[in-house]
Amino acid sequence: MGMFVFLPLVLPLTAWPIAKLAERHLHPRTASRLLTALAAVMAGCSTVCLGLLMVVGTAQLPGNPLPDGWSDPEVREAVPYDEVAGRVAIPALLAVVVACGMTLWRHGRVRRRAHRALAGLPGTSVAVLPDDVPYAYALPGAGGQDRVVVTTALLSCLDSAERRALFAHERAHLLARHHRFLLAVQLAARANPFLRPLRTAVSYTTERWADEEAAQLVGSRRTVACAIGKAALVSRGTPAVTLAGVAAPGPVPRRVAALLGPAPAVRSRPPSVFTAVGLAVWSAAVGTLVSAMSSANSAVTMVLILHAATPL
């Protein structure tokens, strides 16, 4: 196992350049899926390796409930710097579990509060709130009860074409289940802080994905750009970062500039590694593969060592 047990913990350092390349050179739909998958795999692999290190560290503590053989020198030799790494992994893994649990709890609380706020309104796909604060967001629901929530204050700032663009943008969030992408990268960033650039990138690419879907449906990229610009100027964003919206926090000027330019191309085959697009795709693929192989190798090796050290 050796130093390979630490590799999945530091490989997420490559997330920043991969995220920058992907969000600039890939289609937003492709970038969102690629970066979310990369974040999920790398977070899972780093958590597995933390768990392996925690086993070594826990086995060294006096009075632990683990088999005595798990604290043998032969087991500890499988992990470099076992005394430090093993004991540091214990609070680190507990912190990961608590942070991810809190993220899931906050996500569920926000959605429950949003649904309770709409309880007295008709069960239509669009909920218009009589509110002086301008905002709009996509609210996923159970059993297909997805809704677009918008306030009268925001609707009064847009003309009819821009309103269609706004509704098309929010419905694109719901149809593509962007809240799942956002939740996945948030959990990944909690599991490994090195993955935070991917969380930021996916927040941007999912908005760009919805922008492009809205532009295709409305038939005017400029109309969608105007709706986003106006909404960003008057809106306070969404009630929580777990809810996607037309004026969600992020680089709105970049989104508007992208809509005023040509539509991004959708590639039907893997790009060459010698292009910026190919470098992003293949770097993500290689990083994911190496991380998965390292964590799998470490897990299998540790299981074999612990099995051999455990008396029958």
C-alpha atoms as a PDB file:
ATOM      1  CA  MET A   1       0.000   0.000   0.000  1.00  0.00           C
ATOM      2  CA  GLY A   2       2.719   2.472   1.020  1.00  0.00           C
ATOM      3  CA  MET A   3       2.428   6.092  -0.037  1.00  0.00           C
ATOM      4  CA  PHE A   4      -0.437   5.231  -2.412  1.00  0.00           C
ATOM      5  CA  VAL A   5      -2.853   5.490   0.517  1.00  0.00           C
ATOM      6  CA  PHE A   6      -2.210   9.246   0.597  1.00  0.00           C
ATOM      7  CA  LEU A   7      -2.587   9.781  -3.152  1.00  0.00           C
ATOM      8  CA  PRO A   8      -6.408  10.116  -3.269  1.00  0.00           C
ATOM      9  CA  LEU A   9      -6.163  12.723  -0.496  1.00  0.00           C
ATOM     10  CA  VAL A  10      -3.963  15.057  -2.562  1.00  0.00           C
ATOM     11  CA  LEU A  11      -5.085  14.301  -6.129  1.00  0.00           C
ATOM     12  CA  PRO A  12      -8.023  16.741  -5.742  1.00  0.00           C
ATOM     13  CA  LEU A  13      -5.391  19.503  -5.899  1.00  0.00           C
ATOM     14  CA  THR A  14      -5.699  19.062  -9.665  1.00  0.00           C
ATOM     15  CA  ALA A  15      -9.333  20.183  -9.461  1.00  0.00           C
ATOM     16  CA  TRP A  16      -8.610  23.876  -9.981  1.00  0.00           C
ATOM     17  CA  PRO A  17      -6.939  23.706 -13.436  1.00  0.00           C
ATOM     18  CA  ILE A  18      -9.380  21.019 -14.595  1.00  0.00           C
ATOM     19  CA  ALA A  19     -12.349  23.146 -13.496  1.00  0.00           C
ATOM     20  CA  LYS A  20     -11.020  26.224 -15.285  1.00  0.00           C
ATOM     21  CA  LEU A  21     -10.390  24.339 -18.510  1.00  0.00           C
ATOM     22  CA  ALA A  22     -13.763  22.596 -18.428  1.00  0.00           C
ATOM     23  CA  GLU A  23     -15.910  25.645 -17.750  1.00  0.00           C
ATOM     24  CA  ARG A  24     -14.171  27.657 -20.457  1.00  0.00           C
ATOM     25  CA  HIS A  25     -13.859  25.118 -23.250  1.00  0.00           C
ATOM     26  CA  LEU A  26     -16.556  22.454 -22.787  1.00  0.00           C
ATOM     27  CA  HIS A  27     -20.268  22.669 -23.457  1.00  0.00           C
ATOM     28  CA  PRO A  28     -21.951  23.554 -20.126  1.00  0.00           C
ATOM     29  CA  ARG A  29     -23.905  20.287 -20.083  1.00  0.00           C
ATOM     30  CA  THR A  30     -20.752  18.235 -20.638  1.00  0.00           C
ATOM     31  CA  ALA A  31     -18.757  20.272 -18.131  1.00  0.00           C
ATOM     32  CA  SER A  32     -21.430  19.918 -15.439  1.00  0.00           C
ATOM     33  CA  ARG A  33     -21.626  16.151 -15.805  1.00  0.00           C
ATOM     34  CA  LEU A  34     -17.868  15.688 -16.049  1.00  0.00           C
ATOM     35  CA  LEU A  35     -16.971  17.871 -13.079  1.00  0.00           C
ATOM     36  CA  THR A  36     -19.739  16.435 -10.888  1.00  0.00           C
ATOM     37  CA  ALA A  37     -18.627  12.878 -11.617  1.00  0.00           C
ATOM     38  CA  LEU A  38     -14.999  13.843 -10.967  1.00  0.00           C
ATOM     39  CA  ALA A  39     -15.905  15.459  -7.645  1.00  0.00           C
ATOM     40  CA  ALA A  40     -18.006  12.492  -6.512  1.00  0.00           C
ATOM     41  CA  VAL A  41     -15.355   9.891  -7.366  1.00  0.00           C
ATOM     42  CA  MET A  42     -12.466  11.832  -5.852  1.00  0.00           C
ATOM     43  CA  ALA A  43     -14.432  12.611  -2.697  1.00  0.00           C
ATOM     44  CA  GLY A  44     -15.406   8.974  -2.312  1.00  0.00           C
ATOM     45  CA  CYS A  45     -11.847   7.771  -2.822  1.00  0.00           C
ATOM     46  CA  SER A  46     -10.382  10.244  -0.339  1.00  0.00           C
ATOM     47  CA  THR A  47     -13.021   9.260   2.234  1.00  0.00           C
ATOM     48  CA  VAL A  48     -12.198   5.574   1.765  1.00  0.00           C
ATOM     49  CA  CYS A  49      -8.510   6.277   2.362  1.00  0.00           C
ATOM     50  CA  LEU A  50      -9.321   8.328   5.457  1.00  0.00           C
ATOM     51  CA  GLY A  51     -11.293   5.354   6.711  1.00  0.00           C
ATOM     52  CA  LEU A  52      -8.345   3.027   6.156  1.00  0.00           C
ATOM     53  CA  LEU A  53      -6.023   5.384   7.997  1.00  0.00           C
ATOM     54  CA  MET A  54      -8.547   5.692  10.818  1.00  0.00           C
ATOM     55  CA  VAL A  55      -8.548   1.914  11.278  1.00  0.00           C
ATOM     56  CA  VAL A  56      -4.791   1.985  11.790  1.00  0.00           C
ATOM     57  CA  GLY A  57      -5.033   4.927  14.167  1.00  0.00           C
ATOM     58  CA  THR A  58      -7.924   3.488  16.155  1.00  0.00           C
ATOM     59  CA  ALA A  59      -6.192   0.142  16.554  1.00  0.00           C
ATOM     60  CA  GLN A  60      -3.332   1.909  18.356  1.00  0.00           C
ATOM     61  CA  LEU A  61      -5.560   3.477  20.998  1.00  0.00           C
ATOM     62  CA  PRO A  62      -5.669   1.691  24.360  1.00  0.00           C
ATOM     63  CA  GLY A  63      -8.955  -0.004  25.129  1.00  0.00           C
ATOM     64  CA  ASN A  64     -10.151  -0.012  21.514  1.00  0.00           C
ATOM     65  CA  PRO A  65     -12.694  -2.693  20.563  1.00  0.00           C
ATOM     66  CA  LEU A  66     -10.758  -3.819  17.479  1.00  0.00           C
ATOM     67  CA  PRO A  67      -8.932  -7.165  17.303  1.00  0.00           C
ATOM     68  CA  ASP A  68      -5.474  -7.076  18.894  1.00  0.00           C
ATOM     69  CA  GLY A  69      -3.855  -8.219  15.677  1.00  0.00           C
ATOM     70  CA  TRP A  70      -4.864  -4.979  13.961  1.00  0.00           C
ATOM     71  CA  SER A  71      -2.368  -3.043  16.078  1.00  0.00           C
ATOM     72  CA  ASP A  72       0.586  -5.330  15.243  1.00  0.00           C
ATOM     73  CA  PRO A  73       3.719  -3.691  13.819  1.00  0.00           C
ATOM     74  CA  GLU A  74       3.172  -5.533  10.530  1.00  0.00           C
ATOM     75  CA  VAL A  75      -0.149  -3.750  10.081  1.00  0.00           C
ATOM     76  CA  ARG A  76       1.277  -0.343  10.978  1.00  0.00           C
ATOM     77  CA  GLU A  77       4.174  -0.811   8.569  1.00  0.00           C
ATOM     78  CA  ALA A  78       1.662  -0.854   5.711  1.00  0.00           C
ATOM     79  CA  VAL A  79       0.995   2.848   6.319  1.00  0.00           C
ATOM     80  CA  PRO A  80       3.874   5.356   6.214  1.00  0.00           C
ATOM     81  CA  TYR A  81       4.050   7.566   9.321  1.00  0.00           C
ATOM     82  CA  ASP A  82       1.324   5.431  10.848  1.00  0.00           C
ATOM     83  CA  GLU A  83       1.375   7.041  14.295  1.00  0.00           C
ATOM     84  CA  VAL A  84       0.741  10.552  12.976  1.00  0.00           C
ATOM     85  CA  ALA A  85      -1.397   9.727   9.933  1.00  0.00           C
ATOM     86  CA  GLY A  86      -3.557   7.192  11.763  1.00  0.00           C
ATOM     87  CA  ARG A  87      -4.390   9.454  14.673  1.00  0.00           C
ATOM     88  CA  VAL A  88      -4.950  12.548  12.527  1.00  0.00           C
ATOM     89  CA  ALA A  89      -7.339  10.551  10.338  1.00  0.00           C
ATOM     90  CA  ILE A  90      -9.697   9.887  13.262  1.00  0.00           C
ATOM     91  CA  PRO A  91     -10.865  13.498  13.805  1.00  0.00           C
ATOM     92  CA  ALA A  92     -10.550  14.199  10.069  1.00  0.00           C
ATOM     93  CA  LEU A  93     -13.010  11.449   9.148  1.00  0.00           C
ATOM     94  CA  LEU A  94     -15.367  12.453  11.944  1.00  0.00           C
ATOM     95  CA  ALA A  95     -15.249  16.036  10.626  1.00  0.00           C
ATOM     96  CA  VAL A  96     -16.115  14.799   7.127  1.00  0.00           C
ATOM     97  CA  VAL A  97     -19.088  12.808   8.407  1.00  0.00           C
ATOM     98  CA  VAL A  98     -20.395  15.734  10.467  1.00  0.00           C
ATOM     99  CA  ALA A  99     -19.909  18.251   7.648  1.00  0.00           C
ATOM    100  CA  CYS A 100     -21.664  16.071   5.076  1.00  0.00           C
ATOM    101  CA  GLY A 101     -24.471  15.320   7.515  1.00  0.00           C
ATOM    102  CA  MET A 102     -24.984  19.030   8.188  1.00  0.00           C
ATOM    103  CA  THR A 103     -25.024  19.762   4.453  1.00  0.00           C
ATOM    104  CA  LEU A 104     -27.724  17.154   3.859  1.00  0.00           C
ATOM    105  CA  TRP A 105     -29.729  18.436   6.812  1.00  0.00           C
ATOM    106  CA  ARG A 106     -29.553  22.063   5.608  1.00  0.00           C
ATOM    107  CA  HIS A 107     -30.482  21.009   2.084  1.00  0.00           C
ATOM    108  CA  GLY A 108     -33.546  19.173   3.331  1.00  0.00           C
ATOM    109  CA  ARG A 109     -34.519  21.995   5.677  1.00  0.00           C
ATOM    110  CA  VAL A 110     -34.391  24.600   2.885  1.00  0.00           C
ATOM    111  CA  ARG A 111     -36.594  22.507   0.629  1.00  0.00           C
ATOM    112  CA  ARG A 112     -39.084  21.760   3.401  1.00  0.00           C
ATOM    113  CA  ARG A 113     -39.336  25.447   4.309  1.00  0.00           C
ATOM    114  CA  ALA A 114     -39.826  26.419   0.673  1.00  0.00           C
ATOM    115  CA  HIS A 115     -42.611  23.876   0.221  1.00  0.00           C
ATOM    116  CA  ARG A 116     -44.311  24.976   3.440  1.00  0.00           C
ATOM    117  CA  ALA A 117     -44.239  28.581   2.211  1.00  0.00           C
ATOM    118  CA  LEU A 118     -46.169  27.496  -0.895  1.00  0.00           C
ATOM    119  CA  ALA A 119     -48.665  25.302   0.953  1.00  0.00           C
ATOM    120  CA  GLY A 120     -51.587  27.708   0.558  1.00  0.00           C
ATOM    121  CA  LEU A 121     -51.071  28.378  -3.154  1.00  0.00           C
ATOM    122  CA  PRO A 122     -52.656  26.469  -6.058  1.00  0.00           C
ATOM    123  CA  GLY A 123     -50.721  23.367  -7.072  1.00  0.00           C
ATOM    124  CA  THR A 124     -49.585  24.739 -10.429  1.00  0.00           C
ATOM    125  CA  SER A 125     -46.139  24.408 -11.961  1.00  0.00           C
ATOM    126  CA  VAL A 126     -45.531  28.138 -11.428  1.00  0.00           C
ATOM    127  CA  ALA A 127     -45.976  29.828  -8.051  1.00  0.00           C
ATOM    128  CA  VAL A 128     -46.143  33.633  -8.084  1.00  0.00           C
ATOM    129  CA  LEU A 129     -45.516  35.154  -4.661  1.00  0.00           C
ATOM    130  CA  PRO A 130     -46.792  38.652  -3.836  1.00  0.00           C
ATOM    131  CA  ASP A 131     -43.436  39.821  -2.537  1.00  0.00           C
ATOM    132  CA  ASP A 132     -41.634  43.157  -2.845  1.00  0.00           C
ATOM    133  CA  VAL A 133     -38.286  41.345  -2.950  1.00  0.00           C
ATOM    134  CA  PRO A 134     -37.427  40.293  -6.537  1.00  0.00           C
ATOM    135  CA  TYR A 135     -36.176  36.724  -6.904  1.00  0.00           C
ATOM    136  CA  ALA A 136     -36.924  33.486  -8.728  1.00  0.00           C
ATOM    137  CA  TYR A 137     -35.784  29.910  -8.255  1.00  0.00           C
ATOM    138  CA  ALA A 138     -36.482  26.329  -9.236  1.00  0.00           C
ATOM    139  CA  LEU A 139     -37.968  24.217  -6.448  1.00  0.00           C
ATOM    140  CA  PRO A 140     -37.768  20.443  -6.972  1.00  0.00           C
ATOM    141  CA  GLY A 141     -40.505  18.461  -5.309  1.00  0.00           C
ATOM    142  CA  ALA A 142     -41.364  14.874  -4.496  1.00  0.00           C
ATOM    143  CA  GLY A 143     -43.524  12.885  -6.880  1.00  0.00           C
ATOM    144  CA  GLY A 144     -42.943  15.198  -9.817  1.00  0.00           C
ATOM    145  CA  GLN A 145     -44.347  18.268  -8.065  1.00  0.00           C
ATOM    146  CA  ASP A 146     -41.594  20.565  -9.349  1.00  0.00           C
ATOM    147  CA  ARG A 147     -42.381  24.257  -9.288  1.00  0.00           C
ATOM    148  CA  VAL A 148     -40.935  27.525 -10.534  1.00  0.00           C
ATOM    149  CA  VAL A 149     -41.181  30.168  -7.823  1.00  0.00           C
ATOM    150  CA  VAL A 150     -41.098  33.841  -8.791  1.00  0.00           C
ATOM    151  CA  THR A 151     -42.167  37.043  -7.085  1.00  0.00           C
ATOM    152  CA  THR A 152     -44.353  39.789  -8.491  1.00  0.00           C
ATOM    153  CA  ALA A 153     -41.513  42.257  -7.919  1.00  0.00           C
ATOM    154  CA  LEU A 154     -39.253  40.414 -10.376  1.00  0.00           C
ATOM    155  CA  LEU A 155     -41.977  39.858 -12.955  1.00  0.00           C
ATOM    156  CA  SER A 156     -42.739  43.586 -12.980  1.00  0.00           C
ATOM    157  CA  CYS A 157     -39.136  44.280 -14.035  1.00  0.00           C
ATOM    158  CA  LEU A 158     -39.291  42.066 -17.137  1.00  0.00           C
ATOM    159  CA  ASP A 159     -41.201  42.297 -20.391  1.00  0.00           C
ATOM    160  CA  SER A 160     -43.185  39.378 -21.798  1.00  0.00           C
ATOM    161  CA  ALA A 161     -40.294  37.897 -23.817  1.00  0.00           C
ATOM    162  CA  GLU A 162     -37.951  38.126 -20.859  1.00  0.00           C
ATOM    163  CA  ARG A 163     -40.514  36.440 -18.635  1.00  0.00           C
ATOM    164  CA  ARG A 164     -40.649  33.518 -21.056  1.00  0.00           C
ATOM    165  CA  ALA A 165     -36.868  33.347 -20.908  1.00  0.00           C
ATOM    166  CA  LEU A 166     -36.957  33.345 -17.105  1.00  0.00           C
ATOM    167  CA  PHE A 167     -39.485  30.503 -16.945  1.00  0.00           C
ATOM    168  CA  ALA A 168     -37.573  28.527 -19.577  1.00  0.00           C
ATOM    169  CA  HIS A 169     -34.368  28.929 -17.560  1.00  0.00           C
ATOM    170  CA  GLU A 170     -35.954  27.712 -14.331  1.00  0.00           C
ATOM    171  CA  ARG A 171     -37.690  24.785 -16.024  1.00  0.00           C
ATOM    172  CA  ALA A 172     -34.353  23.777 -17.531  1.00  0.00           C
ATOM    173  CA  HIS A 173     -32.963  23.548 -13.984  1.00  0.00           C
ATOM    174  CA  LEU A 174     -35.814  21.267 -12.994  1.00  0.00           C
ATOM    175  CA  LEU A 175     -35.744  19.047 -16.072  1.00  0.00           C
ATOM    176  CA  ALA A 176     -31.989  18.459 -15.794  1.00  0.00           C
ATOM    177  CA  ARG A 177     -32.210  17.964 -11.981  1.00  0.00           C
ATOM    178  CA  HIS A 178     -29.485  20.533 -11.389  1.00  0.00           C
ATOM    179  CA  HIS A 179     -30.135  20.486  -7.651  1.00  0.00           C
ATOM    180  CA  ARG A 180     -28.605  17.002  -7.580  1.00  0.00           C
ATOM    181  CA  PHE A 181     -25.448  18.250  -9.265  1.00  0.00           C
ATOM    182  CA  LEU A 182     -25.190  21.124  -6.792  1.00  0.00           C
ATOM    183  CA  LEU A 183     -25.748  18.859  -3.800  1.00  0.00           C
ATOM    184  CA  ALA A 184     -23.187  16.318  -5.036  1.00  0.00           C
ATOM    185  CA  VAL A 185     -20.412  18.894  -5.440  1.00  0.00           C
ATOM    186  CA  GLN A 186     -21.270  20.480  -2.094  1.00  0.00           C
ATOM    187  CA  LEU A 187     -20.894  17.118  -0.374  1.00  0.00           C
ATOM    188  CA  ALA A 188     -17.652  16.494  -2.260  1.00  0.00           C
ATOM    189  CA  ALA A 189     -16.250  19.842  -1.130  1.00  0.00           C
ATOM    190  CA  ARG A 190     -17.149  18.972   2.470  1.00  0.00           C
ATOM    191  CA  ALA A 191     -15.419  15.605   2.137  1.00  0.00           C
ATOM    192  CA  ASN A 192     -12.240  17.131   0.694  1.00  0.00           C
ATOM    193  CA  PRO A 193     -11.653  20.914   0.745  1.00  0.00           C
ATOM    194  CA  PHE A 194      -9.370  20.609  -2.290  1.00  0.00           C
ATOM    195  CA  LEU A 195     -12.525  19.965  -4.341  1.00  0.00           C
ATOM    196  CA  ARG A 196     -14.033  23.400  -3.665  1.00  0.00           C
ATOM    197  CA  PRO A 197     -13.026  24.700  -7.132  1.00  0.00           C
ATOM    198  CA  LEU A 198     -15.271  22.034  -8.631  1.00  0.00           C
ATOM    199  CA  ARG A 199     -18.189  23.218  -6.503  1.00  0.00           C
ATOM    200  CA  THR A 200     -17.736  26.767  -7.804  1.00  0.00           C
ATOM    201  CA  ALA A 201     -17.320  25.587 -11.382  1.00  0.00           C
ATOM    202  CA  VAL A 202     -20.438  23.386 -11.347  1.00  0.00           C
ATOM    203  CA  SER A 203     -22.494  26.228  -9.857  1.00  0.00           C
ATOM    204  CA  TYR A 204     -21.496  28.255 -12.916  1.00  0.00           C
ATOM    205  CA  THR A 205     -21.815  25.532 -15.557  1.00  0.00           C
ATOM    206  CA  THR A 206     -25.292  24.472 -14.431  1.00  0.00           C
ATOM    207  CA  GLU A 207     -26.434  28.077 -14.805  1.00  0.00           C
ATOM    208  CA  ARG A 208     -24.849  28.225 -18.251  1.00  0.00           C
ATOM    209  CA  TRP A 209     -26.536  24.925 -19.099  1.00  0.00           C
ATOM    210  CA  ALA A 210     -29.923  26.385 -18.174  1.00  0.00           C
ATOM    211  CA  ASP A 211     -29.085  29.568 -20.103  1.00  0.00           C
ATOM    212  CA  GLU A 212     -28.423  27.605 -23.289  1.00  0.00           C
ATOM    213  CA  GLU A 213     -31.557  25.499 -22.894  1.00  0.00           C
ATOM    214  CA  ALA A 214     -33.631  28.655 -22.401  1.00  0.00           C
ATOM    215  CA  ALA A 215     -32.039  30.337 -25.416  1.00  0.00           C
ATOM    216  CA  GLN A 216     -32.826  27.334 -27.594  1.00  0.00           C
ATOM    217  CA  LEU A 217     -36.429  27.226 -26.394  1.00  0.00           C
ATOM    218  CA  VAL A 218     -37.072  30.973 -26.637  1.00  0.00           C
ATOM    219  CA  GLY A 219     -35.185  31.300 -29.917  1.00  0.00           C
ATOM    220  CA  SER A 220     -33.261  34.410 -28.925  1.00  0.00           C
ATOM    221  CA  ARG A 221     -29.959  34.407 -27.069  1.00  0.00           C
ATOM    222  CA  ARG A 222     -30.151  38.172 -26.609  1.00  0.00           C
ATOM    223  CA  THR A 223     -33.535  37.935 -24.870  1.00  0.00           C
ATOM    224  CA  VAL A 224     -32.174  35.431 -22.360  1.00  0.00           C
ATOM    225  CA  ALA A 225     -29.109  37.621 -21.811  1.00  0.00           C
ATOM    226  CA  CYS A 226     -31.326  40.645 -21.142  1.00  0.00           C
ATOM    227  CA  ALA A 227     -33.506  38.669 -18.709  1.00  0.00           C
ATOM    228  CA  ILE A 228     -30.443  37.448 -16.789  1.00  0.00           C
ATOM    229  CA  GLY A 229     -28.914  40.921 -16.685  1.00  0.00           C
ATOM    230  CA  LYS A 230     -32.095  42.595 -15.454  1.00  0.00           C
ATOM    231  CA  ALA A 231     -32.774  39.881 -12.884  1.00  0.00           C
ATOM    232  CA  ALA A 232     -29.222  40.130 -11.566  1.00  0.00           C
ATOM    233  CA  LEU A 233     -29.445  43.907 -11.221  1.00  0.00           C
ATOM    234  CA  VAL A 234     -32.647  43.882  -9.174  1.00  0.00           C
ATOM    235  CA  SER A 235     -32.607  40.444  -7.568  1.00  0.00           C
ATOM    236  CA  ARG A 236     -31.044  39.242  -4.341  1.00  0.00           C
ATOM    237  CA  GLY A 237     -30.411  35.795  -5.809  1.00  0.00           C
ATOM    238  CA  THR A 238     -32.137  32.772  -4.326  1.00  0.00           C
ATOM    239  CA  PRO A 239     -33.088  32.083  -0.698  1.00  0.00           C
ATOM    240  CA  ALA A 240     -30.354  29.432  -0.412  1.00  0.00           C
ATOM    241  CA  VAL A 241     -27.429  28.134  -2.419  1.00  0.00           C
ATOM    242  CA  THR A 242     -29.125  24.745  -2.739  1.00  0.00           C
ATOM    243  CA  LEU A 243     -31.797  26.294  -4.992  1.00  0.00           C
ATOM    244  CA  ALA A 244     -30.904  27.149  -8.583  1.00  0.00           C
ATOM    245  CA  GLY A 245     -32.181  30.420 -10.007  1.00  0.00           C
ATOM    246  CA  VAL A 246     -31.838  32.770 -12.950  1.00  0.00           C
ATOM    247  CA  ALA A 247     -29.915  35.281 -10.841  1.00  0.00           C
ATOM    248  CA  ALA A 248     -27.988  32.749  -8.783  1.00  0.00           C
ATOM    249  CA  PRO A 249     -24.716  33.957  -7.293  1.00  0.00           C
ATOM    250  CA  GLY A 250     -21.883  33.729  -9.777  1.00  0.00           C
ATOM    251  CA  PRO A 251     -20.203  35.514 -12.672  1.00  0.00           C
ATOM    252  CA  VAL A 252     -23.334  36.933 -14.298  1.00  0.00           C
ATOM    253  CA  PRO A 253     -21.319  39.147 -16.726  1.00  0.00           C
ATOM    254  CA  ARG A 254     -19.611  36.015 -18.097  1.00  0.00           C
ATOM    255  CA  ARG A 255     -22.980  34.352 -18.606  1.00  0.00           C
ATOM    256  CA  VAL A 256     -24.351  37.385 -20.430  1.00  0.00           C
ATOM    257  CA  ALA A 257     -21.226  37.653 -22.586  1.00  0.00           C
ATOM    258  CA  ALA A 258     -21.476  33.960 -23.469  1.00  0.00           C
ATOM    259  CA  LEU A 259     -25.104  34.373 -24.534  1.00  0.00           C
ATOM    260  CA  LEU A 260     -24.235  37.347 -26.725  1.00  0.00           C
ATOM    261  CA  GLY A 261     -21.721  35.159 -28.554  1.00  0.00           C
ATOM    262  CA  PRO A 262     -22.242  32.008 -30.635  1.00  0.00           C
ATOM    263  CA  ALA A 263     -23.774  28.895 -29.098  1.00  0.00           C
ATOM    264  CA  PRO A 264     -21.227  26.400 -27.738  1.00  0.00           C
ATOM    265  CA  ALA A 265     -20.607  23.377 -29.904  1.00  0.00           C
ATOM    266  CA  VAL A 266     -21.666  19.916 -28.772  1.00  0.00           C
ATOM    267  CA  ARG A 267     -18.932  17.371 -29.504  1.00  0.00           C
ATOM    268  CA  SER A 268     -19.930  13.910 -30.637  1.00  0.00           C
ATOM    269  CA  ARG A 269     -16.548  12.230 -30.006  1.00  0.00           C
ATOM    270  CA  PRO A 270     -13.702  12.579 -27.489  1.00  0.00           C
ATOM    271  CA  PRO A 271     -11.473  15.571 -28.282  1.00  0.00           C
ATOM    272  CA  SER A 272      -7.750  15.375 -28.944  1.00  0.00           C
ATOM    273  CA  VAL A 273      -5.507  15.630 -25.902  1.00  0.00           C
ATOM    274  CA  PHE A 274      -3.511  18.350 -27.663  1.00  0.00           C
ATOM    275  CA  THR A 275      -6.378  20.856 -27.434  1.00  0.00           C
ATOM    276  CA  ALA A 276      -7.602  22.812 -24.401  1.00  0.00           C
ATOM    277  CA  VAL A 277     -10.859  20.856 -24.469  1.00  0.00           C
ATOM    278  CA  GLY A 278      -9.044  17.544 -24.694  1.00  0.00           C
ATOM    279  CA  LEU A 279      -6.666  18.501 -21.913  1.00  0.00           C
ATOM    280  CA  ALA A 280      -9.612  19.166 -19.597  1.00  0.00           C
ATOM    281  CA  VAL A 281     -11.426  15.946 -20.467  1.00  0.00           C
ATOM    282  CA  TRP A 282      -8.440  13.635 -20.378  1.00  0.00           C
ATOM    283  CA  SER A 283      -6.957  15.211 -17.258  1.00  0.00           C
ATOM    284  CA  ALA A 284     -10.231  14.638 -15.454  1.00  0.00           C
ATOM    285  CA  ALA A 285     -10.392  11.060 -16.721  1.00  0.00           C
ATOM    286  CA  VAL A 286      -6.819  10.260 -15.728  1.00  0.00           C
ATOM    287  CA  GLY A 287      -7.162  11.905 -12.314  1.00  0.00           C
ATOM    288  CA  THR A 288     -10.354   9.993 -11.607  1.00  0.00           C
ATOM    289  CA  LEU A 289      -8.835   6.701 -12.736  1.00  0.00           C
ATOM    290  CA  VAL A 290      -5.659   7.142 -10.688  1.00  0.00           C
ATOM    291  CA  SER A 291      -7.636   8.131  -7.600  1.00  0.00           C
ATOM    292  CA  ALA A 292      -9.972   5.159  -7.942  1.00  0.00           C
ATOM    293  CA  MET A 293      -7.113   2.719  -8.547  1.00  0.00           C
ATOM    294  CA  SER A 294      -5.104   4.058  -5.601  1.00  0.00           C
ATOM    295  CA  SER A 295      -7.994   3.839  -3.167  1.00  0.00           C
ATOM    296  CA  ALA A 296      -8.963   0.380  -4.442  1.00  0.00           C
ATOM    297  CA  ASN A 297      -5.383  -0.840  -4.137  1.00  0.00           C
ATOM    298  CA  SER A 298      -5.113   0.564  -0.615  1.00  0.00           C
ATOM    299  CA  ALA A 299      -8.453  -0.902   0.438  1.00  0.00           C
ATOM    300  CA  VAL A 300      -7.680  -4.388  -0.902  1.00  0.00           C
ATOM    301  CA  THR A 301      -4.185  -4.369   0.607  1.00  0.00           C
ATOM    302  CA  MET A 302      -5.468  -3.244   3.993  1.00  0.00           C
ATOM    303  CA  VAL A 303      -8.231  -5.854   4.021  1.00  0.00           C
ATOM    304  CA  LEU A 304      -5.716  -8.615   3.214  1.00  0.00           C
ATOM    305  CA  ILE A 305      -3.309  -7.404   5.908  1.00  0.00           C
ATOM    306  CA  LEU A 306      -6.009  -7.119   8.576  1.00  0.00           C
ATOM    307  CA  HIS A 307      -7.409 -10.529   7.618  1.00  0.00           C
ATOM    308  CA  ALA A 308      -3.962 -12.092   7.972  1.00  0.00           C
ATOM    309  CA  ALA A 309      -3.403 -10.341  11.303  1.00  0.00           C
ATOM    310  CA  THR A 310      -6.749 -11.432  12.742  1.00  0.00           C
ATOM    311  CA  PRO A 311      -6.611 -14.854  14.421  1.00  0.00           C
ATOM    312  CA  LEU A 312      -9.332 -17.278  13.417  1.00  0.00           C
END
